[in-house]
Each structure stands twice: as structure tokens, then as C-alpha cells.
């Protein structure tokens, strides 16, 4: 019976380990960079409203994040909003 307990406990730890990996700051940063690069279809280093909405995001969110109102979202603007409201994903 004791031999069965250890594998069951280890299997039960998988979700916890997975959650810890998702909260790793380096992993979150890399995930954010990859998402930005995938959304930045013209590779100009910023997201236009068209790129933002094509990725399934709402225009309202774009306008909220675009702090300098230049019609582009930069990595710095996205980081500022993430810092302000916390990374929720």
C-alpha cells in the first residue's frame, strides 16, 4: 500500500508544479514577448489597432493602454499596464 501512495502524491503535484512554472517571472516575460511578436504582424516593434483587433482584442482595451495616444502600443505601454493592474494570465 505504501508503494502506491508515493506515485499518487506525485501525480497530485503535477498541477501545483505547472502553476509554479506559470508564475515564474522569466517564463511570463518570455510568454509576453512571444505573444507580442506574434501579434506584431508587420514587425515594426509596436501594435497598431488593426493588429490588436485582428488578435481578437477589443478596441476599448487598445485605447486604454495607448498612454501617449499615438495609435500604437509599445512593449513599454503594455508593461506599464501589466504593472499597474498585475499580470492576470
C-alpha atoms as a PDB file:
ATOM      1  CA  UNK A   1       0.000   0.000   0.000  1.00  0.00           C
ATOM      2  CA  UNK A   2       2.817   2.431   0.820  1.00  0.00           C
ATOM      3  CA  UNK A   3       4.296   1.901  -2.643  1.00  0.00           C
ATOM      4  CA  UNK A   4       1.077   3.184  -4.172  1.00  0.00           C
ATOM      5  CA  UNK A   5       0.928   6.351  -2.062  1.00  0.00           C
ATOM      6  CA  UNK A   6       4.086   7.984  -3.444  1.00  0.00           C
ATOM      7  CA  UNK A   7       3.023   7.807  -7.139  1.00  0.00           C
ATOM      8  CA  UNK A   8      -0.436   9.102  -6.261  1.00  0.00           C
ATOM      9  CA  UNK A   9       1.068  12.011  -4.313  1.00  0.00           C
ATOM     10  CA  UNK A  10       3.464  12.777  -7.169  1.00  0.00           C
ATOM     11  CA  UNK A  11       0.626  12.771  -9.708  1.00  0.00           C
ATOM     12  CA  UNK A  12      -1.291  15.138  -7.450  1.00  0.00           C
ATOM     13  CA  UNK A  13       1.666  17.548  -7.510  1.00  0.00           C
ATOM     14  CA  UNK A  14       1.592  17.997 -11.302  1.00  0.00           C
ATOM     15  CA  UNK A  15      -0.967  20.849 -11.255  1.00  0.00           C
ATOM     16  CA  UNK A  16       0.973  22.631  -8.494  1.00  0.00           C
ATOM     17  CA  UNK A  17       4.259  22.351 -10.389  1.00  0.00           C
ATOM     18  CA  UNK A  18       2.540  23.546 -13.547  1.00  0.00           C
ATOM     19  CA  UNK A  19       1.111  26.557 -11.680  1.00  0.00           C
ATOM     20  CA  UNK A  20       4.534  27.385 -10.263  1.00  0.00           C
ATOM     21  CA  UNK A  21       6.040  27.307 -13.751  1.00  0.00           C
ATOM     22  CA  UNK A  22       3.384  29.730 -14.961  1.00  0.00           C
ATOM     23  CA  UNK A  23       4.169  32.193 -12.180  1.00  0.00           C
ATOM     24  CA  UNK A  24       7.901  32.135 -12.902  1.00  0.00           C
ATOM     25  CA  UNK A  25       8.747  35.734 -13.880  1.00  0.00           C
ATOM     26  CA  UNK A  26      11.141  34.717 -16.644  1.00  0.00           C
ATOM     27  CA  UNK A  27       8.542  32.382 -18.144  1.00  0.00           C
ATOM     28  CA  UNK A  28       5.870  35.087 -18.005  1.00  0.00           C
ATOM     29  CA  UNK A  29       8.175  37.591 -19.691  1.00  0.00           C
ATOM     30  CA  UNK A  30       9.060  35.150 -22.442  1.00  0.00           C
ATOM     31  CA  UNK A  31       5.396  34.291 -22.970  1.00  0.00           C
ATOM     32  CA  UNK A  32       4.550  38.014 -23.236  1.00  0.00           C
ATOM     33  CA  UNK A  33       7.373  38.633 -25.718  1.00  0.00           C
ATOM     34  CA  UNK A  34       6.258  35.717 -27.876  1.00  0.00           C
ATOM     35  CA  UNK A  35       2.646  36.913 -27.834  1.00  0.00           C
ATOM     36  CA  UNK A  36       3.726  40.439 -28.767  1.00  0.00           C
ATOM     37  CA  UNK A  37       5.912  39.184 -31.617  1.00  0.00           C
ATOM     38  CA  UNK A  38       3.096  37.017 -32.952  1.00  0.00           C
ATOM     39  CA  UNK A  39       0.649  39.927 -32.849  1.00  0.00           C
ATOM     40  CA  UNK A  40       3.091  42.435 -34.388  1.00  0.00           C
ATOM     41  CA  UNK A  41       2.492  41.174 -37.917  1.00  0.00           C
ATOM     42  CA  UNK A  42       4.360  43.984 -39.678  1.00  0.00           C
ATOM     43  CA  UNK A  43       7.297  43.630 -37.256  1.00  0.00           C
ATOM     44  CA  UNK A  44       7.630  47.344 -36.566  1.00  0.00           C
ATOM     45  CA  UNK A  45       8.002  46.876 -32.811  1.00  0.00           C
ATOM     46  CA  UNK A  46       4.556  48.260 -31.969  1.00  0.00           C
ATOM     47  CA  UNK A  47       0.971  47.077 -32.234  1.00  0.00           C
ATOM     48  CA  UNK A  48      -1.481  49.027 -34.352  1.00  0.00           C
ATOM     49  CA  UNK A  49      -5.195  48.983 -33.650  1.00  0.00           C
ATOM     50  CA  UNK A  50      -5.618  46.705 -36.669  1.00  0.00           C
ATOM     51  CA  UNK A  51      -3.077  44.190 -35.303  1.00  0.00           C
ATOM     52  CA  UNK A  52      -4.655  44.399 -31.858  1.00  0.00           C
ATOM     53  CA  UNK A  53      -8.196  43.707 -33.067  1.00  0.00           C
ATOM     54  CA  UNK A  54      -7.025  41.016 -35.521  1.00  0.00           C
ATOM     55  CA  UNK A  55      -5.661  39.178 -32.475  1.00  0.00           C
ATOM     56  CA  UNK A  56      -9.165  39.161 -31.004  1.00  0.00           C
ATOM     57  CA  UNK A  57      -8.705  42.086 -28.634  1.00  0.00           C
ATOM     58  CA  UNK A  58     -11.223  44.872 -28.151  1.00  0.00           C
ATOM     59  CA  UNK A  59     -10.667  48.420 -29.370  1.00  0.00           C
ATOM     60  CA  UNK A  60     -11.579  49.723 -25.923  1.00  0.00           C
ATOM     61  CA  UNK A  61      -8.596  47.938 -24.388  1.00  0.00           C
ATOM     62  CA  UNK A  62      -6.284  49.380 -27.033  1.00  0.00           C
ATOM     63  CA  UNK A  63      -7.416  52.897 -26.256  1.00  0.00           C
ATOM     64  CA  UNK A  64      -6.974  52.324 -22.529  1.00  0.00           C
ATOM     65  CA  UNK A  65      -3.404  51.067 -22.930  1.00  0.00           C
ATOM     66  CA  UNK A  66      -2.239  53.620 -25.537  1.00  0.00           C
ATOM     67  CA  UNK A  67      -0.956  56.092 -22.946  1.00  0.00           C
ATOM     68  CA  UNK A  68       0.579  58.580 -25.374  1.00  0.00           C
ATOM     69  CA  UNK A  69      -2.367  58.340 -27.817  1.00  0.00           C
ATOM     70  CA  UNK A  70      -0.116  57.789 -30.831  1.00  0.00           C
ATOM     71  CA  UNK A  71      -2.183  54.906 -32.195  1.00  0.00           C
ATOM     72  CA  UNK A  72       0.435  52.294 -31.350  1.00  0.00           C
ATOM     73  CA  UNK A  73       1.031  50.051 -28.369  1.00  0.00           C
ATOM     74  CA  UNK A  74       4.647  49.618 -27.409  1.00  0.00           C
ATOM     75  CA  UNK A  75       6.104  46.963 -25.138  1.00  0.00           C
ATOM     76  CA  UNK A  76       6.649  49.726 -22.558  1.00  0.00           C
ATOM     77  CA  UNK A  77       2.949  50.672 -22.590  1.00  0.00           C
ATOM     78  CA  UNK A  78       1.931  47.038 -22.234  1.00  0.00           C
ATOM     79  CA  UNK A  79       4.390  46.567 -19.366  1.00  0.00           C
ATOM     80  CA  UNK A  80       3.078  49.688 -17.646  1.00  0.00           C
ATOM     81  CA  UNK A  81      -0.496  48.416 -17.750  1.00  0.00           C
ATOM     82  CA  UNK A  82       0.596  44.962 -16.562  1.00  0.00           C
ATOM     83  CA  UNK A  83       2.489  46.566 -13.675  1.00  0.00           C
ATOM     84  CA  UNK A  84      -0.498  48.750 -12.817  1.00  0.00           C
ATOM     85  CA  UNK A  85      -3.144  46.019 -12.857  1.00  0.00           C
ATOM     86  CA  UNK A  86      -0.971  42.965 -12.358  1.00  0.00           C
ATOM     87  CA  UNK A  87      -0.414  40.114 -14.751  1.00  0.00           C
ATOM     88  CA  UNK A  88      -3.603  38.100 -14.621  1.00  0.00           C
ATOM     89  CA  UNK A  89      -2.659  35.347 -17.052  1.00  0.00           C
END
